[in-house]
C-alpha atoms as a PDB file:
ATOM      1  CA  MET A   1      11.089  16.375   1.783  1.00  0.00           C
ATOM      2  CA  ALA A   2      10.328  13.220  -0.138  1.00  0.00           C
ATOM      3  CA  THR A   3      12.785  10.390  -0.046  1.00  0.00           C
ATOM      4  CA  PRO A   4      13.236   8.741  -3.431  1.00  0.00           C
ATOM      5  CA  PRO A   5      13.065   4.968  -3.350  1.00  0.00           C
ATOM      6  CA  ASP A   6      16.418   3.261  -2.960  1.00  0.00           C
ATOM      7  CA  PRO A   7      17.262   1.784  -6.392  1.00  0.00           C
ATOM      8  CA  ALA A   8      18.601  -1.308  -4.648  1.00  0.00           C
ATOM      9  CA  GLY A   9      15.429  -1.349  -2.582  1.00  0.00           C
ATOM     10  CA  ALA A  10      14.762  -3.513   0.405  1.00  0.00           C
ATOM     11  CA  GLY A  11      16.204  -6.516  -1.398  1.00  0.00           C
ATOM     12  CA  HIS A  12      19.749  -5.817  -0.114  1.00  0.00           C
ATOM     13  CA  GLY A  13      21.473  -7.450  -3.071  1.00  0.00           C
ATOM     14  CA  ARG A  14      18.880 -10.168  -3.687  1.00  0.00           C
ATOM     15  CA  ASP A  15      15.918 -10.237  -6.025  1.00  0.00           C
ATOM     16  CA  ARG A  16      13.131  -8.133  -4.560  1.00  0.00           C
ATOM     17  CA  THR A  17       9.825  -9.775  -3.724  1.00  0.00           C
ATOM     18  CA  PRO A  18       6.620  -8.752  -5.506  1.00  0.00           C
ATOM     19  CA  LEU A  19       5.499  -7.101  -2.263  1.00  0.00           C
ATOM     20  CA  GLU A  20       8.719  -5.056  -2.052  1.00  0.00           C
ATOM     21  CA  LEU A  21       8.289  -3.984  -5.679  1.00  0.00           C
ATOM     22  CA  PHE A  22       4.654  -3.048  -4.965  1.00  0.00           C
ATOM     23  CA  ALA A  23       5.766  -0.972  -1.964  1.00  0.00           C
ATOM     24  CA  THR A  24       8.249   0.889  -4.165  1.00  0.00           C
ATOM     25  CA  ASP A  25       5.487   1.607  -6.698  1.00  0.00           C
ATOM     26  CA  ILE A  26       3.281   3.004  -3.927  1.00  0.00           C
ATOM     27  CA  GLU A  27       6.156   5.132  -2.582  1.00  0.00           C
ATOM     28  CA  THR A  28       6.907   6.425  -6.076  1.00  0.00           C
ATOM     29  CA  SER A  29       3.275   7.487  -6.496  1.00  0.00           C
ATOM     30  CA  PHE A  30       3.473   9.459  -3.240  1.00  0.00           C
ATOM     31  CA  ASN A  31       6.771  11.041  -4.305  1.00  0.00           C
ATOM     32  CA  ALA A  32       5.053  12.273  -7.500  1.00  0.00           C
ATOM     33  CA  MET A  33       2.500  14.307  -5.519  1.00  0.00           C
ATOM     34  CA  SER A  34       2.808  18.064  -5.199  1.00  0.00           C
ATOM     35  CA  PRO A  35       4.263  18.624  -2.714  1.00  0.00           C
ATOM     36  CA  PRO A  36       6.047  15.262  -2.674  1.00  0.00           C
ATOM     37  CA  ARG A  37       5.082  12.898   0.123  1.00  0.00           C
ATOM     38  CA  THR A  38       6.758   9.754   1.430  1.00  0.00           C
ATOM     39  CA  LEU A  39       5.737   6.664   3.341  1.00  0.00           C
ATOM     40  CA  THR A  40       8.665   7.317   5.652  1.00  0.00           C
ATOM     41  CA  ASP A  41       6.713  10.284   7.085  1.00  0.00           C
ATOM     42  CA  ASP A  42       4.499   9.375  10.065  1.00  0.00           C
ATOM     43  CA  ASP A  43       1.672  11.729   9.057  1.00  0.00           C
ATOM     44  CA  THR A  44       1.584  10.362   5.519  1.00  0.00           C
ATOM     45  CA  VAL A  45       1.591   6.788   6.837  1.00  0.00           C
ATOM     46  CA  ALA A  46      -1.343   7.563   9.143  1.00  0.00           C
ATOM     47  CA  ILE A  47      -3.378   9.002   6.261  1.00  0.00           C
ATOM     48  CA  TYR A  48      -2.402   6.119   3.980  1.00  0.00           C
ATOM     49  CA  LEU A  49      -3.415   3.461   6.510  1.00  0.00           C
ATOM     50  CA  ARG A  50      -6.686   5.241   7.316  1.00  0.00           C
ATOM     51  CA  THR A  51      -7.499   5.308   3.607  1.00  0.00           C
ATOM     52  CA  LEU A  52      -6.919   1.548   3.453  1.00  0.00           C
ATOM     53  CA  ASP A  53      -9.252   1.140   6.472  1.00  0.00           C
ATOM     54  CA  VAL A  54     -11.954   3.035   4.583  1.00  0.00           C
ATOM     55  CA  TRP A  55     -11.448   0.871   1.508  1.00  0.00           C
ATOM     56  CA  GLN A  56     -11.730  -2.253   3.627  1.00  0.00           C
ATOM     57  CA  ARG A  57     -15.125  -1.078   4.857  1.00  0.00           C
ATOM     58  CA  VAL A  58     -16.182  -0.276   1.288  1.00  0.00           C
ATOM     59  CA  LEU A  59     -15.235  -3.781   0.196  1.00  0.00           C
ATOM     60  CA  GLU A  60     -17.007  -5.371   3.167  1.00  0.00           C
ATOM     61  CA  GLY A  61     -20.133  -3.362   2.330  1.00  0.00           C
ATOM     62  CA  THR A  62     -19.899  -4.507  -1.268  1.00  0.00           C
ATOM     63  CA  ARG A  63     -19.816  -8.104  -0.042  1.00  0.00           C
ATOM     64  CA  ALA A  64     -22.777  -7.495   2.289  1.00  0.00           C
ATOM     65  CA  ARG A  65     -24.803  -6.215  -0.687  1.00  0.00           C
ATOM     66  CA  GLY A  66     -23.953  -9.341  -2.677  1.00  0.00           C
ATOM     67  CA  VAL A  67     -21.940  -7.511  -5.323  1.00  0.00           C
ATOM     68  CA  ILE A  68     -18.881  -9.672  -4.686  1.00  0.00           C
ATOM     69  CA  THR A  69     -18.537 -13.139  -3.187  1.00  0.00           C
ATOM     70  CA  GLY A  70     -16.817 -14.121   0.037  1.00  0.00           C
ATOM     71  CA  PRO A  71     -13.794 -15.526  -1.812  1.00  0.00           C
ATOM     72  CA  GLN A  72     -13.541 -12.358  -3.910  1.00  0.00           C
ATOM     73  CA  LEU A  73     -13.632 -10.265  -0.738  1.00  0.00           C
ATOM     74  CA  ALA A  74     -10.906 -12.434   0.784  1.00  0.00           C
ATOM     75  CA  ASP A  75      -8.690 -11.912  -2.286  1.00  0.00           C
ATOM     76  CA  LEU A  76      -9.209  -8.156  -2.202  1.00  0.00           C
ATOM     77  CA  LEU A  77      -8.552  -7.964   1.538  1.00  0.00           C
ATOM     78  CA  GLN A  78      -5.334  -9.920   1.012  1.00  0.00           C
ATOM     79  CA  THR A  79      -4.253  -7.236  -1.460  1.00  0.00           C
ATOM     80  CA  LEU A  80      -5.071  -4.527   1.083  1.00  0.00           C
ATOM     81  CA  GLU A  81      -3.051  -6.390   3.699  1.00  0.00           C
ATOM     82  CA  GLY A  82      -0.064  -6.361   1.355  1.00  0.00           C
ATOM     83  CA  MET A  83      -0.581  -2.642   0.813  1.00  0.00           C
ATOM     84  CA  ARG A  84      -0.583  -2.090   4.593  1.00  0.00           C
ATOM     85  CA  GLN A  85       2.986  -3.413   4.691  1.00  0.00           C
ATOM     86  CA  ALA A  86       4.322  -0.820   2.238  1.00  0.00           C
ATOM     87  CA  PRO A  87       5.447   1.755   4.827  1.00  0.00           C
ATOM     88  CA  ARG A  88       7.805  -0.722   6.492  1.00  0.00           C
ATOM     89  CA  LEU A  89       9.216  -1.876   3.139  1.00  0.00           C
ATOM     90  CA  VAL A  90      10.342   1.490   1.741  1.00  0.00           C
END
């Protein structure tokens, strides 16, 4: 059963960080699946993180082919790193 995001979120009474808001958006997208999924489920987390691993390799291959620059790759990998934190923030 999917767990809806806590409206108060991980902020615990303070303004939520952009990363916490991003994690809630990711969780909401999983909750909208049929059947609903959640990043509090270990199997879903494993699939989610493996998908991010695949995307990292895609991005590294894109850099190796000269489609993106090293700094662009670094920016994109930083975004992926933020996405990897989502399961512990929901």
